[in-house]
C-alpha cells in the first residue's frame, strides 16, 4: 500500500501529486492508506485540499528563489564562456 508523505519528507512529493492529478490523487492515496471505516470521505477531502493548498504555497514561495538561481546560472555561464573563449582565440591566432 502506498503511504502518504509525512512532514519530515520533502514537499516535492506532494507538489508532484498536486501537479499531476490534484486533490483527486491525494484523495485516492489517503483512501488507500486509511480504510473507509477510520476516516470519512468528508475528512479525506479536507485533508487532500489542505495538502494541495500547502503544496501550492510552498511552490509559490520557491519561485523567486528559482528565478534567481536561473539568472545566476545564465550569468555564470556567459562569463565562463567569455573567459574560456579568450585564451582559445589567442591560441588560434598564434598558430595561424
C-alpha atoms as a PDB file:
ATOM      1  CA  UNK A   1       0.000   0.000   0.000  1.00  0.00           C
ATOM      2  CA  UNK A   2       1.292   3.489  -0.764  1.00  0.00           C
ATOM      3  CA  UNK A   3       1.932   5.746   2.179  1.00  0.00           C
ATOM      4  CA  UNK A   4       1.460   9.458   2.442  1.00  0.00           C
ATOM      5  CA  UNK A   5       4.490  11.692   2.913  1.00  0.00           C
ATOM      6  CA  UNK A   6       4.981  12.909   6.457  1.00  0.00           C
ATOM      7  CA  UNK A   7       6.033  16.420   7.442  1.00  0.00           C
ATOM      8  CA  UNK A   8       9.646  15.205   7.546  1.00  0.00           C
ATOM      9  CA  UNK A   9       9.695  14.194   3.875  1.00  0.00           C
ATOM     10  CA  UNK A  10      10.339  16.662   1.050  1.00  0.00           C
ATOM     11  CA  UNK A  11       7.323  18.594  -0.077  1.00  0.00           C
ATOM     12  CA  UNK A  12       8.313  17.927  -3.675  1.00  0.00           C
ATOM     13  CA  UNK A  13       6.396  14.655  -3.467  1.00  0.00           C
ATOM     14  CA  UNK A  14       3.209  16.490  -2.570  1.00  0.00           C
ATOM     15  CA  UNK A  15       3.818  19.138  -5.228  1.00  0.00           C
ATOM     16  CA  UNK A  16       4.296  16.398  -7.806  1.00  0.00           C
ATOM     17  CA  UNK A  17       0.999  14.835  -6.814  1.00  0.00           C
ATOM     18  CA  UNK A  18      -0.772  18.192  -6.988  1.00  0.00           C
ATOM     19  CA  UNK A  19       0.762  18.989 -10.378  1.00  0.00           C
ATOM     20  CA  UNK A  20      -0.182  15.646 -11.914  1.00  0.00           C
ATOM     21  CA  UNK A  21      -3.605  14.958 -10.502  1.00  0.00           C
ATOM     22  CA  UNK A  22      -4.587  17.456  -7.895  1.00  0.00           C
ATOM     23  CA  UNK A  23      -6.650  16.637  -4.892  1.00  0.00           C
ATOM     24  CA  UNK A  24      -8.168  13.561  -6.554  1.00  0.00           C
ATOM     25  CA  UNK A  25      -4.817  11.767  -6.490  1.00  0.00           C
ATOM     26  CA  UNK A  26      -4.183  12.844  -2.899  1.00  0.00           C
ATOM     27  CA  UNK A  27      -7.709  11.702  -2.004  1.00  0.00           C
ATOM     28  CA  UNK A  28      -7.059   8.276  -3.558  1.00  0.00           C
ATOM     29  CA  UNK A  29      -3.698   7.968  -1.797  1.00  0.00           C
ATOM     30  CA  UNK A  30      -5.299   8.737   1.567  1.00  0.00           C
ATOM     31  CA  UNK A  31      -8.120   6.328   0.858  1.00  0.00           C
ATOM     32  CA  UNK A  32      -5.591   3.590   0.017  1.00  0.00           C
ATOM     33  CA  UNK A  33      -3.793   4.091   3.324  1.00  0.00           C
ATOM     34  CA  UNK A  34      -6.768   4.626   5.615  1.00  0.00           C
ATOM     35  CA  UNK A  35      -9.813   2.377   5.278  1.00  0.00           C
ATOM     36  CA  UNK A  36     -13.215   3.991   4.922  1.00  0.00           C
ATOM     37  CA  UNK A  37     -14.177   2.853   8.424  1.00  0.00           C
ATOM     38  CA  UNK A  38     -11.459   5.022  10.031  1.00  0.00           C
ATOM     39  CA  UNK A  39     -11.847   8.289   8.115  1.00  0.00           C
ATOM     40  CA  UNK A  40     -14.962   9.635   6.448  1.00  0.00           C
ATOM     41  CA  UNK A  41     -14.964  10.836   2.847  1.00  0.00           C
ATOM     42  CA  UNK A  42     -15.510  14.409   4.019  1.00  0.00           C
ATOM     43  CA  UNK A  43     -12.436  14.263   6.267  1.00  0.00           C
ATOM     44  CA  UNK A  44     -10.342  12.762   3.472  1.00  0.00           C
ATOM     45  CA  UNK A  45     -11.448  15.534   1.110  1.00  0.00           C
ATOM     46  CA  UNK A  46     -10.498  18.210   3.662  1.00  0.00           C
ATOM     47  CA  UNK A  47      -7.079  16.598   4.195  1.00  0.00           C
ATOM     48  CA  UNK A  48      -6.499  16.425   0.434  1.00  0.00           C
ATOM     49  CA  UNK A  49      -7.448  20.088  -0.002  1.00  0.00           C
ATOM     50  CA  UNK A  50      -5.183  21.124   2.874  1.00  0.00           C
ATOM     51  CA  UNK A  51      -2.235  19.211   1.424  1.00  0.00           C
ATOM     52  CA  UNK A  52      -2.848  20.706  -2.019  1.00  0.00           C
ATOM     53  CA  UNK A  53      -3.016  24.230  -0.567  1.00  0.00           C
ATOM     54  CA  UNK A  54       0.190  23.652   1.429  1.00  0.00           C
ATOM     55  CA  UNK A  55       1.980  22.392  -1.681  1.00  0.00           C
ATOM     56  CA  UNK A  56       0.840  25.367  -3.741  1.00  0.00           C
ATOM     57  CA  UNK A  57       2.004  27.791  -1.032  1.00  0.00           C
ATOM     58  CA  UNK A  58       5.404  26.096  -0.868  1.00  0.00           C
ATOM     59  CA  UNK A  59       5.761  26.196  -4.654  1.00  0.00           C
ATOM     60  CA  UNK A  60       4.793  29.869  -4.738  1.00  0.00           C
ATOM     61  CA  UNK A  61       7.411  30.692  -2.114  1.00  0.00           C
ATOM     62  CA  UNK A  62      10.136  28.913  -4.116  1.00  0.00           C
ATOM     63  CA  UNK A  63       9.520  30.669  -7.444  1.00  0.00           C
ATOM     64  CA  UNK A  64      11.604  33.804  -6.756  1.00  0.00           C
ATOM     65  CA  UNK A  65      14.481  31.669  -5.469  1.00  0.00           C
ATOM     66  CA  UNK A  66      14.309  29.503  -8.580  1.00  0.00           C
ATOM     67  CA  UNK A  67      14.338  32.560 -10.864  1.00  0.00           C
ATOM     68  CA  UNK A  68      17.388  33.956  -9.069  1.00  0.00           C
ATOM     69  CA  UNK A  69      19.115  30.601  -9.435  1.00  0.00           C
ATOM     70  CA  UNK A  70      18.343  30.539 -13.176  1.00  0.00           C
ATOM     71  CA  UNK A  71      19.646  34.083 -13.689  1.00  0.00           C
ATOM     72  CA  UNK A  72      22.812  33.315 -11.732  1.00  0.00           C
ATOM     73  CA  UNK A  73      23.406  30.198 -13.828  1.00  0.00           C
ATOM     74  CA  UNK A  74      22.954  32.217 -17.024  1.00  0.00           C
ATOM     75  CA  UNK A  75      25.354  34.935 -15.862  1.00  0.00           C
ATOM     76  CA  UNK A  76      27.969  32.417 -14.691  1.00  0.00           C
ATOM     77  CA  UNK A  77      27.653  30.572 -17.994  1.00  0.00           C
ATOM     78  CA  UNK A  78      28.110  33.733 -20.041  1.00  0.00           C
ATOM     79  CA  UNK A  79      31.101  34.870 -18.003  1.00  0.00           C
ATOM     80  CA  UNK A  80      32.622  31.386 -18.077  1.00  0.00           C
ATOM     81  CA  UNK A  81      32.147  31.156 -21.822  1.00  0.00           C
ATOM     82  CA  UNK A  82      33.744  34.548 -22.364  1.00  0.00           C
ATOM     83  CA  UNK A  83      36.693  33.706 -20.113  1.00  0.00           C
ATOM     84  CA  UNK A  84      37.220  30.423 -21.929  1.00  0.00           C
ATOM     85  CA  UNK A  85      36.896  31.856 -25.421  1.00  0.00           C
ATOM     86  CA  UNK A  86      39.618  34.491 -24.931  1.00  0.00           C
ATOM     87  CA  UNK A  87      42.504  32.010 -24.423  1.00  0.00           C
ATOM     88  CA  UNK A  88      41.171  29.826 -27.222  1.00  0.00           C
ATOM     89  CA  UNK A  89      41.068  32.832 -29.553  1.00  0.00           C
ATOM     90  CA  UNK A  90      44.618  33.816 -28.608  1.00  0.00           C
ATOM     91  CA  UNK A  91      45.820  30.240 -29.170  1.00  0.00           C
ATOM     92  CA  UNK A  92      44.131  30.033 -32.585  1.00  0.00           C
ATOM     93  CA  UNK A  93      45.665  33.374 -33.645  1.00  0.00           C
ATOM     94  CA  UNK A  94      49.102  32.218 -32.539  1.00  0.00           C
ATOM     95  CA  UNK A  95      49.033  29.009 -34.595  1.00  0.00           C
ATOM     96  CA  UNK A  96      47.661  30.539 -37.782  1.00  0.00           C
END
